Amino acid sequence: MFRFNRLLVLVMFVLFTSGIALAVEEFRVSKYGKGEQIWFEAEAFDERSPNENYKLGKAEKAVKPHEDAFGDIVTNAGGQGWLLYRFDISRAGGKKGKWRFIGRVINPSNHSDWLWVLGDDGDKIPEKAPAFVRPNHIIFEENAPPPWKWITTGDFGGDGGTVNELQKGENVMMIWTRQSSLQVQNDVFLWSSDLEYKPTDDDYKKAKVKTLAVHSAGKLATKWGDLKSL
């Protein structure tokens, strides 16, 4: 009984100190143009679908990242699924309102995906693919062969799913598979409150690096493994 009680106390400690709602641990913030930006690398997702169809290029050997990638990349190794990111616009000094989603990508055959945003597209994080409407939710429907390009549009030059109403503080976004493939390499994502802002690589390099004192899912799993061995 003592061992069980000790385990229970330690489990509660881990859950309360690590935080259940995980978030992108490292990101960058900036004030370019007429607004604020929050940037995070594509591989910094908080969760992905159980089939792990979205994979890391280098770390999981899905595909060799193109030259000049910032860190690793995320690609689609086949099948339907999703990526989920939590991010806090208040860390960039941003307020609720319309923000534009932008990606640094390579996408030679315009293999687009869908973007879903908590609040703007629904009040609950979906467990299965929600009903998507073209062009309202589509992103990256643009031919973008190497080198890397910052894509600000969603559906062949239109906004598509790129402009969304973000909430005060923390927000949740999900990328759902439409037709993405191994041809697609996602490197860096950002949200900008200046809807006309056009990012550059130098802007990303100069943006201020921030970190969150939260535990990643991997670290939490490790702690749980340690606890079970007590």
Protein backbone atom coordinates (compact mmCIF):
# COMPACT_ATOMS: atom_id res chain seq x y z
CA MET A 1 0.00 0.00 0.00
CA PHE A 2 2.86 2.37 0.85
CA ARG A 3 4.46 1.74 -2.56
CA PHE A 4 1.13 2.46 -4.31
CA ASN A 5 0.58 5.70 -2.37
CA ARG A 6 4.11 6.84 -3.14
CA LEU A 7 3.58 6.10 -6.84
CA LEU A 8 0.28 7.99 -6.84
CA VAL A 9 1.86 11.07 -5.22
CA LEU A 10 4.71 11.05 -7.73
CA VAL A 11 2.32 10.69 -10.66
CA MET A 12 0.27 13.65 -9.45
CA PHE A 13 3.47 15.67 -9.01
CA VAL A 14 4.57 14.96 -12.58
CA LEU A 15 1.17 15.86 -14.02
CA PHE A 16 0.86 19.10 -12.11
CA THR A 17 4.45 20.26 -12.63
CA SER A 18 4.71 19.31 -16.28
CA GLY A 19 1.33 20.63 -17.41
CA ILE A 20 -1.17 18.54 -19.29
CA ALA A 21 -1.54 21.03 -22.16
CA LEU A 22 1.80 20.75 -23.90
CA ALA A 23 2.97 23.49 -26.23
CA VAL A 24 5.68 24.26 -28.75
CA GLU A 25 8.70 24.47 -26.44
CA GLU A 26 10.97 26.69 -28.54
CA PHE A 27 9.73 29.44 -30.80
CA ARG A 28 10.64 32.93 -32.00
CA VAL A 29 8.81 36.23 -31.85
CA SER A 30 9.16 39.44 -33.82
CA LYS A 31 7.53 42.72 -34.75
CA TYR A 32 7.91 43.21 -38.49
CA GLY A 33 5.76 45.31 -40.77
CA LYS A 34 2.60 46.48 -39.02
CA GLY A 35 2.18 43.60 -36.61
CA GLU A 36 3.59 40.75 -34.54
CA GLN A 37 4.80 37.31 -35.55
CA ILE A 38 5.29 33.99 -33.77
CA TRP A 39 7.50 31.42 -35.52
CA PHE A 40 8.11 27.72 -34.82
CA GLU A 41 9.84 24.94 -36.69
CA ALA A 42 7.57 22.36 -38.29
CA GLU A 43 9.17 19.46 -36.42
CA ALA A 44 8.18 21.06 -33.08
CA PHE A 45 4.63 19.67 -33.22
CA ASP A 46 2.97 18.76 -29.93
CA GLU A 47 1.09 15.73 -31.21
CA ARG A 48 0.58 13.76 -34.41
CA SER A 49 -1.90 11.12 -35.52
CA PRO A 50 -1.20 7.59 -34.23
CA ASN A 51 -0.29 6.26 -37.66
CA GLU A 52 2.54 8.83 -37.76
CA ASN A 53 2.08 9.48 -41.46
CA TYR A 54 3.75 12.85 -40.89
CA LYS A 55 7.40 12.08 -40.25
CA LEU A 56 10.64 13.90 -39.57
CA GLY A 57 12.91 14.04 -42.57
CA LYS A 58 16.32 13.46 -41.00
CA ALA A 59 15.55 12.08 -37.53
CA GLU A 60 13.12 9.46 -38.85
CA LYS A 61 14.82 9.03 -42.23
CA ALA A 62 11.68 9.89 -44.19
CA VAL A 63 13.55 12.06 -46.71
CA LYS A 64 16.76 14.06 -46.82
CA PRO A 65 16.00 17.70 -46.00
CA HIS A 66 16.76 20.13 -48.79
CA GLU A 67 19.82 22.32 -48.40
CA ASP A 68 19.52 25.27 -46.00
CA ALA A 69 16.68 23.81 -43.93
CA PHE A 70 16.47 25.28 -40.43
CA GLY A 71 16.93 22.10 -38.42
CA ASP A 72 14.84 19.09 -39.47
CA ILE A 73 11.70 19.04 -41.65
CA VAL A 74 8.31 17.34 -41.62
CA THR A 75 6.97 15.45 -44.63
CA ASN A 76 4.11 13.07 -45.39
CA ALA A 77 5.30 9.47 -45.67
CA GLY A 78 1.88 8.27 -46.86
CA GLY A 79 -1.66 8.05 -45.56
CA GLN A 80 -4.15 10.32 -43.84
CA GLY A 81 -3.47 11.99 -40.51
CA TRP A 82 -2.71 15.23 -38.71
CA LEU A 83 -0.22 17.41 -36.87
CA LEU A 84 -1.18 19.52 -33.85
CA TYR A 85 0.56 22.65 -32.53
CA ARG A 86 -0.22 24.78 -29.47
CA PHE A 87 1.16 28.32 -29.45
CA ASP A 88 0.58 31.46 -27.39
CA ILE A 89 0.34 34.72 -29.33
CA SER A 90 0.63 36.74 -26.12
CA ARG A 91 4.30 35.71 -26.00
CA ALA A 92 4.74 37.80 -29.15
CA GLY A 93 2.68 40.67 -27.74
CA GLY A 94 -0.17 39.69 -30.05
CA LYS A 95 -3.89 40.13 -29.46
CA LYS A 96 -6.95 38.23 -30.64
CA GLY A 97 -8.04 38.95 -34.19
CA LYS A 98 -7.19 37.99 -37.74
CA TRP A 99 -3.75 36.45 -38.28
CA ARG A 100 -2.16 34.90 -41.37
CA PHE A 101 -0.57 31.44 -41.37
CA ILE A 102 2.63 31.20 -43.48
CA GLY A 103 5.04 28.35 -44.18
CA ARG A 104 8.61 27.95 -45.40
CA VAL A 105 8.10 24.98 -47.66
CA ILE A 106 9.22 23.04 -50.70
CA ASN A 107 6.24 21.73 -52.63
CA PRO A 108 7.00 21.18 -56.34
CA SER A 109 3.61 19.67 -57.25
CA ASN A 110 1.28 21.87 -55.14
CA HIS A 111 0.27 18.98 -52.87
CA SER A 112 -1.88 20.92 -50.44
CA ASP A 113 -3.20 20.21 -46.95
CA TRP A 114 -6.04 21.51 -44.75
CA LEU A 115 -5.68 23.87 -41.80
CA TRP A 116 -8.02 23.70 -38.79
CA VAL A 117 -7.90 26.31 -36.00
CA LEU A 118 -9.57 25.99 -32.60
CA GLY A 119 -12.25 28.66 -32.17
CA ASP A 120 -12.30 29.77 -35.78
CA ASP A 121 -13.22 26.34 -37.18
CA GLY A 122 -14.69 24.62 -34.13
CA ASP A 123 -14.96 24.67 -30.35
CA LYS A 124 -13.49 21.20 -29.75
CA ILE A 125 -10.29 19.61 -31.03
CA PRO A 126 -11.56 16.99 -33.51
CA GLU A 127 -10.73 13.31 -33.14
CA LYS A 128 -11.47 12.62 -36.80
CA ALA A 129 -11.19 14.75 -39.90
CA PRO A 130 -13.77 17.55 -39.76
CA ALA A 131 -15.77 18.69 -42.78
CA PHE A 132 -13.42 20.80 -44.88
CA VAL A 133 -14.51 23.29 -47.52
CA ARG A 134 -12.43 24.44 -50.45
CA PRO A 135 -11.00 27.05 -50.56
CA ASN A 136 -11.80 28.07 -46.95
CA HIS A 137 -9.43 25.59 -45.29
CA ILE A 138 -6.82 24.79 -47.92
CA ILE A 139 -3.13 25.71 -47.48
CA PHE A 140 -0.03 25.53 -49.69
CA GLU A 141 -1.86 24.93 -52.98
CA GLU A 142 1.06 26.51 -54.82
CA ASN A 143 3.90 25.19 -56.97
CA ALA A 144 7.00 25.71 -54.82
CA PRO A 145 10.05 23.88 -56.20
CA PRO A 146 13.46 24.34 -54.49
CA PRO A 147 14.89 26.56 -53.14
CA TRP A 148 12.78 27.19 -50.03
CA LYS A 149 9.84 29.57 -50.41
CA TRP A 150 7.72 31.41 -47.85
CA ILE A 151 4.14 30.64 -48.94
CA THR A 152 1.57 33.19 -47.72
CA THR A 153 -1.39 31.95 -49.76
CA GLY A 154 -3.73 29.02 -49.49
CA ASP A 155 -5.42 28.19 -52.78
CA PHE A 156 -3.65 29.27 -55.98
CA GLY A 157 -2.96 32.86 -54.94
CA GLY A 158 -6.03 33.23 -52.68
CA ASP A 159 -6.11 33.32 -48.90
CA GLY A 160 -7.78 29.91 -48.60
CA GLY A 161 -7.21 28.66 -45.07
CA THR A 162 -4.36 31.01 -44.24
CA VAL A 163 -6.31 33.86 -42.57
CA ASN A 164 -7.95 32.84 -39.29
CA GLU A 165 -9.38 34.45 -36.18
CA LEU A 166 -6.96 33.64 -33.36
CA GLN A 167 -7.95 33.69 -29.71
CA LYS A 168 -6.35 35.63 -26.88
CA GLY A 169 -3.34 33.77 -25.49
CA GLU A 170 -2.99 30.09 -26.39
CA ASN A 171 -4.22 28.79 -29.72
CA VAL A 172 -4.39 25.33 -31.27
CA MET A 173 -3.91 24.56 -34.96
CA MET A 174 -4.03 21.26 -36.80
CA ILE A 175 -2.76 20.37 -40.26
CA TRP A 176 -4.79 17.55 -41.81
CA THR A 177 -3.76 15.53 -44.84
CA ARG A 178 -5.34 16.36 -48.15
CA GLN A 179 -2.80 15.28 -50.75
CA SER A 180 0.61 16.00 -49.25
CA SER A 181 3.42 13.56 -50.02
CA LEU A 182 7.15 12.94 -49.68
CA GLN A 183 7.64 15.71 -52.23
CA VAL A 184 6.53 18.20 -49.59
CA GLN A 185 9.00 19.48 -47.01
CA ASN A 186 7.71 21.75 -44.23
CA ASP A 187 10.49 23.66 -42.51
CA VAL A 188 9.18 26.67 -40.53
CA PHE A 189 5.66 27.91 -39.78
CA LEU A 190 4.62 31.34 -38.57
CA TRP A 191 1.56 33.40 -37.74
CA SER A 192 1.50 37.15 -38.44
CA SER A 193 -1.01 39.74 -37.28
CA ASP A 194 0.08 41.87 -40.25
CA LEU A 195 -1.81 40.10 -43.03
CA GLU A 196 0.36 41.70 -45.72
CA TYR A 197 3.69 40.75 -44.18
CA LYS A 198 6.15 38.89 -46.45
CA PRO A 199 8.75 36.98 -44.42
CA THR A 200 12.37 36.35 -45.31
CA ASP A 201 15.01 33.93 -44.03
CA ASP A 202 16.84 36.86 -42.41
CA ASP A 203 13.66 37.85 -40.57
CA TYR A 204 13.49 34.39 -39.04
CA LYS A 205 17.17 34.41 -38.08
CA LYS A 206 16.79 37.81 -36.38
CA ALA A 207 13.56 36.96 -34.55
CA LYS A 208 13.95 36.62 -30.78
CA VAL A 209 14.22 33.04 -29.49
CA LYS A 210 11.86 32.12 -26.64
CA THR A 211 11.36 28.90 -24.71
CA LEU A 212 8.64 27.44 -22.50
CA ALA A 213 9.40 25.56 -19.30
CA VAL A 214 7.16 22.64 -20.19
CA HIS A 215 7.86 18.94 -20.59
CA SER A 216 7.57 17.39 -24.00
CA ALA A 217 5.45 14.28 -24.49
CA GLY A 218 8.67 12.29 -24.72
CA LYS A 219 9.94 13.59 -21.39
CA LEU A 220 6.60 12.93 -19.74
CA ALA A 221 6.60 9.38 -21.10
CA THR A 222 10.11 8.89 -19.72
CA LYS A 223 9.03 10.09 -16.29
CA TRP A 224 6.03 7.76 -16.35
CA GLY A 225 8.37 4.90 -17.25
CA ASP A 226 10.63 5.79 -14.34
CA LEU A 227 7.67 5.89 -11.96
CA LYS A 228 6.40 2.48 -13.01
CA SER A 229 9.78 0.97 -12.13
CA LEU A 230 9.58 2.15 -8.51
